[in-house]
C-alpha atoms as a PDB file:
ATOM      1  CA  MET A   1       8.385 -57.152  25.387  1.00  0.00           C
ATOM      2  CA  HIS A   2       7.959 -60.689  24.047  1.00  0.00           C
ATOM      3  CA  ALA A   3       6.547 -61.817  27.414  1.00  0.00           C
ATOM      4  CA  TYR A   4       4.036 -58.952  27.318  1.00  0.00           C
ATOM      5  CA  LEU A   5       2.954 -59.737  23.763  1.00  0.00           C
ATOM      6  CA  GLY A   6       2.647 -63.414  24.681  1.00  0.00           C
ATOM      7  CA  ALA A   7       0.372 -62.568  27.623  1.00  0.00           C
ATOM      8  CA  LEU A   8      -1.793 -60.123  25.685  1.00  0.00           C
ATOM      9  CA  PRO A   9      -4.107 -62.594  23.890  1.00  0.00           C
ATOM     10  CA  GLY A  10      -5.031 -64.309  27.155  1.00  0.00           C
ATOM     11  CA  ALA A  11      -8.317 -63.816  28.962  1.00  0.00           C
ATOM     12  CA  ASP A  12      -6.565 -62.271  31.992  1.00  0.00           C
ATOM     13  CA  ARG A  13      -5.450 -58.819  30.799  1.00  0.00           C
ATOM     14  CA  SER A  14      -4.079 -57.936  34.247  1.00  0.00           C
ATOM     15  CA  ARG A  15      -1.166 -60.299  33.579  1.00  0.00           C
ATOM     16  CA  ALA A  16      -0.268 -58.352  30.425  1.00  0.00           C
ATOM     17  CA  ASP A  17      -0.958 -54.960  32.033  1.00  0.00           C
ATOM     18  CA  ALA A  18       1.588 -55.710  34.781  1.00  0.00           C
ATOM     19  CA  TYR A  19       4.357 -55.154  32.203  1.00  0.00           C
ATOM     20  CA  TRP A  20       3.398 -51.473  31.887  1.00  0.00           C
ATOM     21  CA  THR A  21       4.653 -48.691  34.143  1.00  0.00           C
ATOM     22  CA  GLY A  22       2.321 -48.663  37.133  1.00  0.00           C
ATOM     23  CA  GLY A  23       0.544 -51.782  35.855  1.00  0.00           C
ATOM     24  CA  ASN A  24      -1.623 -49.704  33.510  1.00  0.00           C
ATOM     25  CA  PRO A  25      -1.187 -49.131  29.758  1.00  0.00           C
ATOM     26  CA  GLY A  26      -3.103 -45.851  29.885  1.00  0.00           C
ATOM     27  CA  THR A  27      -6.267 -44.797  28.118  1.00  0.00           C
ATOM     28  CA  PRO A  28      -6.098 -45.287  25.284  1.00  0.00           C
ATOM     29  CA  ALA A  29      -3.090 -47.564  25.244  1.00  0.00           C
ATOM     30  CA  GLY A  30      -0.513 -46.855  22.536  1.00  0.00           C
ATOM     31  CA  ASP A  31      -1.112 -50.380  21.300  1.00  0.00           C
ATOM     32  CA  ALA A  32      -4.927 -50.143  21.538  1.00  0.00           C
ATOM     33  CA  LEU A  33      -5.137 -51.392  17.950  1.00  0.00           C
ATOM     34  CA  LEU A  34      -3.590 -54.705  19.002  1.00  0.00           C
ATOM     35  CA  ARG A  35      -5.371 -54.882  22.362  1.00  0.00           C
ATOM     36  CA  GLY A  36      -8.719 -54.360  20.619  1.00  0.00           C
ATOM     37  CA  ILE A  37      -8.565 -57.406  18.334  1.00  0.00           C
ATOM     38  CA  PRO A  38     -11.315 -59.685  19.700  1.00  0.00           C
ATOM     39  CA  ASP A  39     -10.372 -63.002  18.065  1.00  0.00           C
ATOM     40  CA  LEU A  40      -6.563 -62.994  18.161  1.00  0.00           C
ATOM     41  CA  ARG A  41      -5.464 -66.588  17.657  1.00  0.00           C
ATOM     42  CA  SER A  42      -1.724 -66.304  17.148  1.00  0.00           C
ATOM     43  CA  MET A  43       0.989 -63.727  16.675  1.00  0.00           C
ATOM     44  CA  ARG A  44       4.414 -63.792  15.047  1.00  0.00           C
ATOM     45  CA  ILE A  45       6.709 -61.179  16.555  1.00  0.00           C
ATOM     46  CA  LEU A  46       9.593 -59.732  14.568  1.00  0.00           C
ATOM     47  CA  ASN A  47      11.633 -57.014  16.185  1.00  0.00           C
ATOM     48  CA  ASP A  48      14.624 -54.993  15.100  1.00  0.00           C
ATOM     49  CA  ALA A  49      17.550 -54.196  17.358  1.00  0.00           C
ATOM     50  CA  PRO A  50      16.652 -51.968  20.307  1.00  0.00           C
ATOM     51  CA  VAL A  51      17.642 -48.310  19.989  1.00  0.00           C
ATOM     52  CA  ALA A  52      19.009 -46.693  23.143  1.00  0.00           C
ATOM     53  CA  LEU A  53      17.015 -43.646  24.248  1.00  0.00           C
ATOM     54  CA  ASP A  54      19.577 -42.367  26.741  1.00  0.00           C
ATOM     55  CA  ARG A  55      23.348 -42.045  26.960  1.00  0.00           C
ATOM     56  CA  GLN A  56      23.858 -44.046  30.133  1.00  0.00           C
ATOM     57  CA  SER A  57      26.152 -47.034  30.050  1.00  0.00           C
ATOM     58  CA  PRO A  58      24.452 -49.426  29.952  1.00  0.00           C
ATOM     59  CA  PRO A  59      21.344 -47.669  28.619  1.00  0.00           C
ATOM     60  CA  ARG A  60      18.264 -47.669  30.858  1.00  0.00           C
ATOM     61  CA  ALA A  61      15.679 -46.928  28.158  1.00  0.00           C
ATOM     62  CA  PHE A  62      15.130 -48.420  24.707  1.00  0.00           C
ATOM     63  CA  GLU A  63      12.791 -48.178  21.755  1.00  0.00           C
ATOM     64  CA  ILE A  64      12.149 -51.531  20.112  1.00  0.00           C
ATOM     65  CA  PRO A  65      10.750 -51.521  16.554  1.00  0.00           C
ATOM     66  CA  VAL A  66       8.253 -54.357  16.005  1.00  0.00           C
ATOM     67  CA  ARG A  67       6.415 -55.989  13.136  1.00  0.00           C
ATOM     68  CA  LEU A  68       3.561 -58.307  14.082  1.00  0.00           C
ATOM     69  CA  ARG A  69       1.819 -60.852  11.877  1.00  0.00           C
ATOM     70  CA  LEU A  70      -1.533 -61.775  13.369  1.00  0.00           C
ATOM     71  CA  GLU A  71      -3.935 -64.651  12.812  1.00  0.00           C
ATOM     72  CA  THR A  72      -7.475 -63.648  13.682  1.00  0.00           C
ATOM     73  CA  GLY A  73     -10.923 -65.162  13.137  1.00  0.00           C
ATOM     74  CA  PRO A  74     -11.501 -63.201   9.916  1.00  0.00           C
ATOM     75  CA  GLY A  75      -7.966 -63.764   8.569  1.00  0.00           C
ATOM     76  CA  GLN A  76      -4.476 -62.317   8.723  1.00  0.00           C
ATOM     77  CA  ALA A  77      -3.371 -58.818   9.654  1.00  0.00           C
ATOM     78  CA  ARG A  78      -0.056 -57.035  10.017  1.00  0.00           C
ATOM     79  CA  ILE A  79       0.829 -54.304  12.475  1.00  0.00           C
ATOM     80  CA  GLN A  80       4.055 -52.357  12.892  1.00  0.00           C
ATOM     81  CA  GLY A  81       5.417 -49.749  15.259  1.00  0.00           C
ATOM     82  CA  TRP A  82       7.452 -49.635  18.444  1.00  0.00           C
ATOM     83  CA  TYR A  83       7.466 -50.182  22.196  1.00  0.00           C
ATOM     84  CA  ARG A  84       9.532 -48.093  24.603  1.00  0.00           C
ATOM     85  CA  LEU A  85      10.912 -49.809  27.685  1.00  0.00           C
ATOM     86  CA  ARG A  86      12.954 -48.624  30.649  1.00  0.00           C
ATOM     87  CA  ALA A  87      14.658 -50.369  33.496  1.00  0.00           C
ATOM     88  CA  ARG A  88      12.475 -50.631  36.595  1.00  0.00           C
ATOM     89  CA  ILE A  89      13.504 -48.407  39.469  1.00  0.00           C
ATOM     90  CA  ASP A  90      13.949 -51.449  41.717  1.00  0.00           C
ATOM     91  CA  GLY A  91      16.282 -53.039  39.143  1.00  0.00           C
ATOM     92  CA  GLN A  92      13.981 -56.055  38.724  1.00  0.00           C
ATOM     93  CA  GLY A  93      13.589 -56.056  34.948  1.00  0.00           C
ATOM     94  CA  TRP A  94      11.937 -53.754  32.436  1.00  0.00           C
ATOM     95  CA  GLU A  95       8.634 -51.937  32.097  1.00  0.00           C
ATOM     96  CA  ILE A  96       6.813 -50.602  29.052  1.00  0.00           C
ATOM     97  CA  THR A  97       6.430 -46.829  29.107  1.00  0.00           C
ATOM     98  CA  SER A  98       4.729 -46.245  25.744  1.00  0.00           C
ATOM     99  CA  ALA A  99       3.866 -47.809  22.418  1.00  0.00           C
ATOM    100  CA  SER A 100       2.777 -46.811  18.959  1.00  0.00           C
ATOM    101  CA  LEU A 101       1.302 -49.371  16.553  1.00  0.00           C
ATOM    102  CA  GLN A 102      -0.337 -48.916  13.152  1.00  0.00           C
ATOM    103  CA  PRO A 103      -1.745 -51.271  10.520  1.00  0.00           C
ATOM    104  CA  ALA A 104       0.833 -52.307   7.915  1.00  0.00           C
ATOM    105  CA  LEU A 105      -0.064 -52.742   4.284  1.00  0.00           C
ATOM    106  CA  ASP A 106       1.127 -55.751   2.303  1.00  0.00           C
END
């Protein structure tokens, strides 16, 4: 998830999109709010402990609560929500299956 968020502000969105299931975040993406910020300069990522979404041992799907502090051209913003990840079928890491982000008030 941190690698995805680190790739998101770059000019090449395909690098970030590759972290999603099928290489596509969907339309609209669950994190469209974040993806739509035109002048994102930096991001501080705070996440809580992942919550297992299945009963397998070890779990193969997690929900990760996030709080993001953003620096943009006009100023600062905060966003909070979650990303859901699951183990890739080929066993080569994780993929994002869904997300939900909303503005956070100070």
